[in-house]
Amino acid sequence: MTSEERAEIRRLVADYMRSEGCTCCRDVEAHEKHAAELAKVLKVRKYEDGSGYDFAHYRTDQ
């Protein structure tokens, strides 16, 4: 991974985290936009029903 790719991922994650907010101030539109940008860069597939991206497929098992 190049330093430019790493910088882009850091920026995308930071934007995504900022859009999460708390329940009183969550920015839903920004969240969806940033999730889509992350999914595109990381090649995360959409759910079959198109409702979002299957990031959970890649999460750490608890």
C-alpha atoms as a PDB file:
ATOM      1  CA  MET A   1       0.000   0.000   0.000  1.00  0.00           C
ATOM      2  CA  THR A   2       1.384   3.383  -0.931  1.00  0.00           C
ATOM      3  CA  SER A   3       1.506   6.340   1.442  1.00  0.00           C
ATOM      4  CA  GLU A   4      -1.077   8.077  -0.768  1.00  0.00           C
ATOM      5  CA  GLU A   5      -3.468   5.116  -0.479  1.00  0.00           C
ATOM      6  CA  ARG A   6      -2.986   5.023   3.282  1.00  0.00           C
ATOM      7  CA  ALA A   7      -3.641   8.773   3.517  1.00  0.00           C
ATOM      8  CA  GLU A   8      -6.853   8.401   1.505  1.00  0.00           C
ATOM      9  CA  ILE A   9      -8.080   5.587   3.746  1.00  0.00           C
ATOM     10  CA  ARG A  10      -7.272   7.633   6.866  1.00  0.00           C
ATOM     11  CA  ARG A  11      -9.207  10.593   5.462  1.00  0.00           C
ATOM     12  CA  LEU A  12     -12.194   8.436   4.488  1.00  0.00           C
ATOM     13  CA  VAL A  13     -12.323   6.772   7.906  1.00  0.00           C
ATOM     14  CA  ALA A  14     -12.011  10.148   9.658  1.00  0.00           C
ATOM     15  CA  ASP A  15     -14.868  11.571   7.562  1.00  0.00           C
ATOM     16  CA  TYR A  16     -16.972   8.494   8.269  1.00  0.00           C
ATOM     17  CA  MET A  17     -16.317   8.652  12.014  1.00  0.00           C
ATOM     18  CA  ARG A  18     -17.200  12.365  12.102  1.00  0.00           C
ATOM     19  CA  SER A  19     -20.506  11.681  10.349  1.00  0.00           C
ATOM     20  CA  GLU A  20     -21.408   9.088  12.989  1.00  0.00           C
ATOM     21  CA  GLY A  21     -21.783  11.660  15.761  1.00  0.00           C
ATOM     22  CA  CYS A  22     -23.982  10.854  18.722  1.00  0.00           C
ATOM     23  CA  THR A  23     -27.668  10.012  18.416  1.00  0.00           C
ATOM     24  CA  CYS A  24     -28.700  13.647  18.823  1.00  0.00           C
ATOM     25  CA  CYS A  25     -26.443  15.038  16.104  1.00  0.00           C
ATOM     26  CA  ARG A  26     -25.783  12.216  13.644  1.00  0.00           C
ATOM     27  CA  ASP A  27     -25.473  13.390  10.043  1.00  0.00           C
ATOM     28  CA  VAL A  28     -27.307  10.625   8.187  1.00  0.00           C
ATOM     29  CA  GLU A  29     -26.671  12.013   4.696  1.00  0.00           C
ATOM     30  CA  ALA A  30     -22.943  12.451   5.364  1.00  0.00           C
ATOM     31  CA  HIS A  31     -22.814   8.966   6.906  1.00  0.00           C
ATOM     32  CA  GLU A  32     -24.296   7.408   3.765  1.00  0.00           C
ATOM     33  CA  LYS A  33     -21.968   9.420   1.511  1.00  0.00           C
ATOM     34  CA  HIS A  34     -18.854   8.486   3.482  1.00  0.00           C
ATOM     35  CA  ALA A  35     -19.866   4.829   3.760  1.00  0.00           C
ATOM     36  CA  ALA A  36     -20.271   4.727  -0.031  1.00  0.00           C
ATOM     37  CA  GLU A  37     -16.844   6.322  -0.551  1.00  0.00           C
ATOM     38  CA  LEU A  38     -15.189   3.831   1.806  1.00  0.00           C
ATOM     39  CA  ALA A  39     -17.022   0.930   0.175  1.00  0.00           C
ATOM     40  CA  LYS A  40     -15.850   2.021  -3.266  1.00  0.00           C
ATOM     41  CA  VAL A  41     -12.184   2.309  -2.269  1.00  0.00           C
ATOM     42  CA  LEU A  42     -12.232  -0.925  -0.247  1.00  0.00           C
ATOM     43  CA  LYS A  43     -14.430  -2.827  -2.728  1.00  0.00           C
ATOM     44  CA  VAL A  44     -17.130  -3.661  -0.164  1.00  0.00           C
ATOM     45  CA  ARG A  45     -20.237  -5.158  -1.748  1.00  0.00           C
ATOM     46  CA  LYS A  46     -23.722  -3.750  -1.301  1.00  0.00           C
ATOM     47  CA  TYR A  47     -26.349  -5.775   0.508  1.00  0.00           C
ATOM     48  CA  GLU A  48     -28.536  -7.718  -1.908  1.00  0.00           C
ATOM     49  CA  ASP A  49     -31.466  -5.394  -1.180  1.00  0.00           C
ATOM     50  CA  GLY A  50     -29.303  -2.319  -1.894  1.00  0.00           C
ATOM     51  CA  SER A  51     -29.872  -0.900   1.596  1.00  0.00           C
ATOM     52  CA  GLY A  52     -26.198  -0.284   2.283  1.00  0.00           C
ATOM     53  CA  TYR A  53     -22.784  -1.921   2.282  1.00  0.00           C
ATOM     54  CA  ASP A  54     -21.810  -5.170   3.992  1.00  0.00           C
ATOM     55  CA  PHE A  55     -18.941  -3.868   6.135  1.00  0.00           C
ATOM     56  CA  ALA A  56     -19.995  -6.384   8.807  1.00  0.00           C
ATOM     57  CA  HIS A  57     -18.673  -9.161   6.588  1.00  0.00           C
ATOM     58  CA  TYR A  58     -15.147  -7.906   7.335  1.00  0.00           C
ATOM     59  CA  ARG A  59     -15.438  -7.032  11.028  1.00  0.00           C
ATOM     60  CA  THR A  60     -13.509  -8.739  13.776  1.00  0.00           C
ATOM     61  CA  ASP A  61     -15.420 -11.600  15.392  1.00  0.00           C
ATOM     62  CA  GLN A  62     -16.356 -10.910  18.989  1.00  0.00           C
END
